[in-house]
Amino acid sequence: MMLCPDSSPNRMQRPFLPDIFAGDSRSGPETPVRIAAMAEPVAFETTIPSNTADGLAAQEKIVSLMERWEYSSRDVFAMRLSLEEAVTNAIRHGNRFSEEKVVYIFCEINDQQMKVIVRDQGEGFVPEEIPDPTAAEYIERPNGRGLLLMRAYLSHCEYTEGGRCITMVRERNSELPILDD
């Protein structure tokens, strides 16, 4: 069994299962695969260059996996939105589109939840220092909304490694976001 690459000496190694996506370079031609109601979690990892086209392709694989596990459209929407924000932020703000840097993505799904880890090779940031985009003085600024949305739609959203790594969890059939009327 392979283990996820470890960029931090304190990071716990996680079991890695072979990429299960039809059409992947290791699995041959694209064929539909139904994975719903599997008892064993499925995990995959990938490293992509710092460009949005590869980021979008990785996002679509993860969304496809949720659909095969028959997650609700609400769960799929929430993770798609969060993935787009996390991967785009890693490419744009973390790696600054550098061709020398990559984005690492780890995904694990089971009957209860979808977990995704996105790590960039940038300088990092302090999430708590990002201003609240709903505050009157920041309402016109386009920055910070992605963080707000991820926190609203995810069951768990945590930055580590100085802001270079985000762990996102969406529980199956979550009621998030809960909107105040």
Protein backbone atom coordinates (compact mmCIF):
# COMPACT_ATOMS: atom_id res chain seq x y z
CA MET A 1 0.00 0.00 0.00
CA MET A 2 1.36 3.41 -0.98
CA LEU A 3 1.36 6.37 1.40
CA CYS A 4 0.56 10.00 0.66
CA PRO A 5 3.61 12.20 0.18
CA ASP A 6 4.49 14.06 3.33
CA SER A 7 5.71 17.65 3.17
CA SER A 8 5.65 18.05 6.95
CA PRO A 9 7.51 15.79 9.39
CA ASN A 10 4.57 15.95 11.81
CA ARG A 11 1.89 15.02 9.28
CA MET A 12 0.33 11.61 9.76
CA GLN A 13 0.72 9.34 6.73
CA ARG A 14 -2.59 8.21 5.22
CA PRO A 15 -3.21 5.03 3.21
CA PHE A 16 -3.42 5.65 -0.50
CA LEU A 17 -5.67 3.62 -2.76
CA PRO A 18 -5.07 3.53 -6.51
CA ASP A 19 -6.87 6.15 -8.58
CA ILE A 20 -10.32 4.75 -9.32
CA PHE A 21 -11.31 7.18 -12.03
CA ALA A 22 -12.25 5.78 -15.41
CA GLY A 23 -10.26 7.55 -18.08
CA ASP A 24 -7.29 8.09 -15.76
CA SER A 25 -3.95 7.39 -17.42
CA ARG A 26 -3.66 4.22 -15.32
CA SER A 27 -7.16 2.89 -15.90
CA GLY A 28 -7.58 2.97 -19.66
CA PRO A 29 -10.51 4.27 -21.69
CA GLU A 30 -13.31 6.20 -20.05
CA THR A 31 -16.09 3.92 -18.82
CA PRO A 32 -18.92 4.62 -16.39
CA VAL A 33 -18.33 3.19 -12.95
CA ARG A 34 -20.92 3.05 -10.16
CA ILE A 35 -19.44 3.15 -6.68
CA ALA A 36 -22.44 3.98 -4.48
CA ALA A 37 -22.90 2.29 -1.12
CA MET A 38 -19.37 0.94 -0.83
CA ALA A 39 -18.38 0.02 2.68
CA GLU A 40 -14.69 0.85 2.24
CA PRO A 41 -13.56 4.44 1.80
CA VAL A 42 -11.98 5.37 -1.51
CA ALA A 43 -9.03 7.74 -1.63
CA PHE A 44 -6.90 9.27 -4.32
CA GLU A 45 -4.24 11.90 -4.59
CA THR A 46 -2.89 13.95 -7.42
CA THR A 47 -0.39 16.71 -8.00
CA ILE A 48 -1.28 19.32 -10.61
CA PRO A 49 0.65 22.19 -12.17
CA SER A 50 -0.28 25.72 -11.16
CA ASN A 51 -2.80 26.36 -13.91
CA THR A 52 -6.56 26.63 -13.71
CA ALA A 53 -7.27 24.13 -16.52
CA ASP A 54 -5.62 21.31 -14.55
CA GLY A 55 -7.33 22.60 -11.41
CA LEU A 56 -10.71 22.36 -13.08
CA ALA A 57 -10.00 18.81 -14.29
CA ALA A 58 -9.10 17.71 -10.73
CA GLN A 59 -12.26 19.34 -9.39
CA GLU A 60 -14.40 17.51 -11.93
CA LYS A 61 -12.89 14.16 -10.91
CA ILE A 62 -13.78 14.80 -7.29
CA VAL A 63 -17.30 15.96 -8.14
CA SER A 64 -17.75 12.89 -10.36
CA LEU A 65 -16.71 10.69 -7.46
CA MET A 66 -19.34 12.29 -5.21
CA GLU A 67 -21.98 11.72 -7.88
CA ARG A 68 -20.98 8.06 -8.22
CA TRP A 69 -21.36 7.68 -4.45
CA GLU A 70 -24.81 9.24 -4.91
CA TYR A 71 -24.24 12.26 -2.71
CA SER A 72 -27.11 14.78 -2.87
CA SER A 73 -27.00 17.62 -5.37
CA ARG A 74 -26.76 19.98 -2.37
CA ASP A 75 -23.62 18.19 -1.13
CA VAL A 76 -22.11 18.12 -4.61
CA PHE A 77 -22.79 21.85 -5.09
CA ALA A 78 -21.22 22.68 -1.73
CA MET A 79 -18.05 20.69 -2.43
CA ARG A 80 -17.79 21.94 -6.03
CA LEU A 81 -17.97 25.54 -4.82
CA SER A 82 -15.45 24.92 -2.04
CA LEU A 83 -13.07 23.01 -4.30
CA GLU A 84 -13.14 25.74 -6.92
CA GLU A 85 -12.28 28.33 -4.27
CA ALA A 86 -9.55 26.24 -2.60
CA VAL A 87 -7.84 25.10 -5.81
CA THR A 88 -8.07 28.52 -7.46
CA ASN A 89 -6.68 30.18 -4.31
CA ALA A 90 -3.80 27.66 -4.21
CA ILE A 91 -2.93 28.31 -7.86
CA ARG A 92 -3.49 32.09 -7.92
CA HIS A 93 -2.61 33.33 -4.44
CA GLY A 94 -0.43 30.49 -3.12
CA ASN A 95 1.69 29.49 -6.07
CA ARG A 96 1.07 32.71 -8.04
CA PHE A 97 0.72 30.67 -11.26
CA SER A 98 4.40 29.62 -10.97
CA GLU A 99 5.29 26.86 -13.42
CA GLU A 100 7.85 25.61 -10.90
CA LYS A 101 5.24 25.00 -8.21
CA VAL A 102 2.49 22.40 -7.93
CA VAL A 103 -0.75 21.91 -6.04
CA TYR A 104 -1.25 18.67 -4.12
CA ILE A 105 -4.80 17.33 -3.76
CA PHE A 106 -5.84 14.42 -1.55
CA CYS A 107 -9.43 13.16 -1.53
CA GLU A 108 -11.17 10.54 0.57
CA ILE A 109 -14.83 9.59 0.36
CA ASN A 110 -16.99 7.18 2.31
CA ASP A 111 -20.67 6.75 3.07
CA GLN A 112 -20.61 9.53 5.67
CA GLN A 113 -18.38 12.26 4.25
CA MET A 114 -16.12 13.65 1.56
CA LYS A 115 -12.74 14.96 2.69
CA VAL A 116 -10.39 16.95 0.49
CA ILE A 117 -6.97 18.38 1.32
CA VAL A 118 -5.44 21.02 -0.97
CA ARG A 119 -1.83 22.14 -0.41
CA ASP A 120 0.17 24.73 -2.32
CA GLN A 121 3.84 25.67 -2.26
CA GLY A 122 3.35 29.37 -1.64
CA GLU A 123 4.34 31.59 1.25
CA GLY A 124 1.09 30.99 3.11
CA PHE A 125 -1.21 33.45 4.85
CA VAL A 126 -3.09 33.96 8.09
CA PRO A 127 -6.79 33.25 7.39
CA GLU A 128 -7.89 35.20 10.45
CA GLU A 129 -6.32 38.35 8.98
CA ILE A 130 -8.57 38.27 5.91
CA PRO A 131 -11.23 40.96 6.48
CA ASP A 132 -14.90 40.01 6.68
CA PRO A 133 -16.19 40.71 3.15
CA THR A 134 -19.67 41.48 4.53
CA ALA A 135 -18.39 44.37 6.69
CA ALA A 136 -19.45 47.76 5.34
CA GLU A 137 -15.87 48.94 4.65
CA TYR A 138 -15.08 45.77 2.61
CA ILE A 139 -18.39 45.15 0.85
CA GLU A 140 -17.09 46.51 -2.48
CA ARG A 141 -13.86 44.46 -2.41
CA PRO A 142 -13.86 41.19 -4.34
CA ASN A 143 -11.49 39.43 -1.90
CA GLY A 144 -12.32 37.12 0.99
CA ARG A 145 -15.66 35.85 -0.25
CA GLY A 146 -14.30 32.39 -1.07
CA LEU A 147 -13.19 31.83 2.51
CA LEU A 148 -16.58 32.96 3.76
CA LEU A 149 -18.38 30.58 1.40
CA MET A 150 -16.18 27.59 2.26
CA ARG A 151 -16.77 28.11 5.97
CA ALA A 152 -20.52 28.35 5.36
CA TYR A 153 -20.85 25.26 3.14
CA LEU A 154 -18.40 22.85 4.75
CA SER A 155 -18.82 20.73 7.87
CA HIS A 156 -15.13 21.32 8.61
CA CYS A 157 -12.75 23.86 7.08
CA GLU A 158 -9.26 24.20 8.55
CA TYR A 159 -6.04 25.85 7.39
CA THR A 160 -2.70 24.44 8.50
CA GLU A 161 0.95 24.74 7.47
CA GLY A 162 0.86 28.52 7.72
CA GLY A 163 -2.17 28.80 5.42
CA ARG A 164 -0.65 26.63 2.67
CA CYS A 165 -2.91 23.65 3.35
CA ILE A 166 -6.69 23.50 3.68
CA THR A 167 -8.66 20.49 4.90
CA MET A 168 -12.29 20.50 3.79
CA VAL A 169 -14.98 18.07 4.94
CA ARG A 170 -18.57 17.88 3.77
CA GLU A 171 -20.77 15.43 5.66
CA ARG A 172 -23.36 13.57 3.61
CA ASN A 173 -26.77 15.28 3.60
CA SER A 174 -25.48 18.24 5.57
CA GLU A 175 -27.97 21.04 6.18
CA LEU A 176 -25.24 23.64 5.64
CA PRO A 177 -25.39 26.44 4.91
CA ILE A 178 -27.93 27.50 7.47
CA LEU A 179 -29.18 30.88 6.36
CA ASP A 180 -30.42 33.58 8.69
CA ASP A 181 -33.49 35.23 7.24
